[in-house]
Amino acid sequence: MSTSPFRTLDSETDWSDALSRSADQPVLLFKHSAACPVSGQADQEMQQLAEEENLPVYKLVVQESRALSDEIADVLEIRHETPQAILLEDQEPVFNTSHFDVTADTLLEAVRSVDHSH
């Protein structure tokens, strides 16, 4: 039985936790579609990132948490897409990407550029 490297993002509590944690360190929100092959590839990339880096990755499965996904899109003012990765720092989105650009390399580069701004 494998344990997921992801933190769940399927409730208001999880969303609050992700936001508050981003005040202390960069946090990645990953919106995943269980029905999309591109999202399946992105899922593997985000899993690799979560396992190899000291970065909290919160995974939202859109089919299970559509209302929360829409709320996050509204709050952050980032149009919903899947797969989608949103990097939060200090409770603000500092980077986001979607579709084929949701890769470990792309996000690692974004995290490092955020980290160097301190």
Protein backbone atom coordinates (compact mmCIF):
# COMPACT_ATOMS: atom_id res chain seq x y z
CA MET A 1 0.00 0.00 0.00
CA SER A 2 1.50 3.31 -1.02
CA THR A 3 1.01 6.49 0.89
CA SER A 4 0.33 9.61 -1.10
CA PRO A 5 2.87 12.42 -0.88
CA PHE A 6 -0.02 14.86 -1.38
CA ARG A 7 -1.98 16.73 1.24
CA THR A 8 -5.71 16.54 0.59
CA LEU A 9 -7.61 19.60 -0.52
CA ASP A 10 -11.27 18.68 -0.32
CA SER A 11 -12.67 20.83 2.47
CA GLU A 12 -12.75 24.39 3.76
CA THR A 13 -10.41 23.26 6.53
CA ASP A 14 -7.83 22.01 4.02
CA TRP A 15 -8.11 25.25 2.05
CA SER A 16 -7.60 27.33 5.23
CA ASP A 17 -4.63 25.16 6.16
CA ALA A 18 -3.04 25.66 2.72
CA LEU A 19 -3.55 29.42 2.87
CA SER A 20 -2.17 29.79 6.38
CA ARG A 21 0.80 27.53 5.66
CA SER A 22 1.67 29.71 2.65
CA ALA A 23 2.38 32.57 5.05
CA ASP A 24 5.45 30.61 6.21
CA GLN A 25 6.57 28.79 3.07
CA PRO A 26 5.59 28.35 -0.59
CA VAL A 27 2.64 26.00 -1.04
CA LEU A 28 1.48 24.34 -4.23
CA LEU A 29 -2.17 23.77 -5.10
CA PHE A 30 -2.68 21.05 -7.70
CA LYS A 31 -6.08 20.73 -9.37
CA HIS A 32 -6.44 17.29 -10.88
CA SER A 33 -9.09 15.82 -13.17
CA ALA A 34 -9.55 12.08 -12.77
CA ALA A 35 -10.97 11.93 -16.33
CA CYS A 36 -8.14 13.64 -18.20
CA PRO A 37 -5.00 11.91 -19.56
CA VAL A 38 -3.02 15.18 -19.47
CA SER A 39 -3.96 15.53 -15.82
CA GLY A 40 -2.79 11.95 -15.22
CA GLN A 41 0.65 12.89 -16.52
CA ALA A 42 0.64 16.06 -14.41
CA ASP A 43 -0.29 13.94 -11.38
CA GLN A 44 2.88 11.87 -11.80
CA GLU A 45 4.96 15.04 -12.14
CA MET A 46 3.42 16.60 -9.01
CA GLN A 47 3.89 13.36 -7.08
CA GLN A 48 7.59 13.39 -7.98
CA LEU A 49 7.85 17.02 -6.87
CA ALA A 50 6.05 16.33 -3.59
CA GLU A 51 8.32 13.36 -2.83
CA GLU A 52 11.62 15.03 -3.73
CA GLU A 53 11.15 18.59 -2.49
CA ASN A 54 10.29 20.11 0.85
CA LEU A 55 7.14 21.62 -0.58
CA PRO A 56 3.58 21.02 0.63
CA VAL A 57 1.50 19.96 -2.38
CA TYR A 58 -2.26 20.10 -1.85
CA LYS A 59 -4.19 18.00 -4.36
CA LEU A 60 -7.78 18.75 -5.26
CA VAL A 61 -9.65 16.22 -7.41
CA VAL A 62 -12.11 18.35 -9.34
CA GLN A 63 -14.74 15.61 -9.74
CA GLU A 64 -14.89 15.26 -5.96
CA SER A 65 -14.60 18.91 -4.93
CA ARG A 66 -15.93 21.09 -7.74
CA ALA A 67 -17.50 23.70 -5.43
CA LEU A 68 -14.23 24.14 -3.54
CA SER A 69 -12.31 24.32 -6.82
CA ASP A 70 -14.63 27.10 -8.00
CA GLU A 71 -14.25 28.93 -4.68
CA ILE A 72 -10.45 28.79 -4.94
CA ALA A 73 -10.67 30.14 -8.51
CA ASP A 74 -12.86 33.01 -7.26
CA VAL A 75 -10.74 33.84 -4.21
CA LEU A 76 -7.43 33.75 -6.10
CA GLU A 77 -8.95 35.27 -9.26
CA ILE A 78 -7.39 32.53 -11.41
CA ARG A 79 -9.62 30.93 -14.01
CA HIS A 80 -10.20 27.25 -13.29
CA GLU A 81 -8.42 24.75 -15.53
CA THR A 82 -7.24 21.15 -15.14
CA PRO A 83 -4.66 20.12 -14.63
CA GLN A 84 -3.62 23.30 -12.92
CA ALA A 85 -0.90 24.19 -10.45
CA ILE A 86 -0.98 27.36 -8.38
CA LEU A 87 1.95 28.42 -6.24
CA LEU A 88 1.00 30.40 -3.14
CA GLU A 89 3.28 32.54 -1.05
CA ASP A 90 2.12 34.85 1.74
CA GLN A 91 -1.44 33.77 0.93
CA GLU A 92 -1.19 35.15 -2.61
CA PRO A 93 -0.81 33.33 -5.93
CA VAL A 94 2.69 34.06 -7.23
CA PHE A 95 2.68 31.62 -10.16
CA ASN A 96 0.17 29.43 -11.95
CA THR A 97 0.21 27.17 -14.95
CA SER A 98 -1.99 24.58 -16.55
CA HIS A 99 -2.26 21.68 -18.98
CA PHE A 100 1.06 20.45 -20.43
CA ASP A 101 3.05 23.02 -18.41
CA VAL A 102 2.18 21.33 -15.11
CA THR A 103 5.57 19.63 -14.74
CA ALA A 104 7.95 19.14 -11.84
CA ASP A 105 10.63 21.18 -13.65
CA THR A 106 8.35 24.14 -14.37
CA LEU A 107 7.13 24.29 -10.79
CA LEU A 108 10.52 23.70 -9.25
CA GLU A 109 11.83 26.66 -11.21
CA ALA A 110 8.91 28.79 -9.98
CA VAL A 111 9.48 27.70 -6.36
CA ARG A 112 13.18 28.51 -6.58
CA SER A 113 12.48 31.96 -8.04
CA VAL A 114 10.08 32.62 -5.16
CA ASP A 115 12.56 31.33 -2.58
CA HIS A 116 15.33 33.56 -3.92
CA SER A 117 13.18 36.66 -3.51
CA HIS A 118 13.53 36.45 0.28
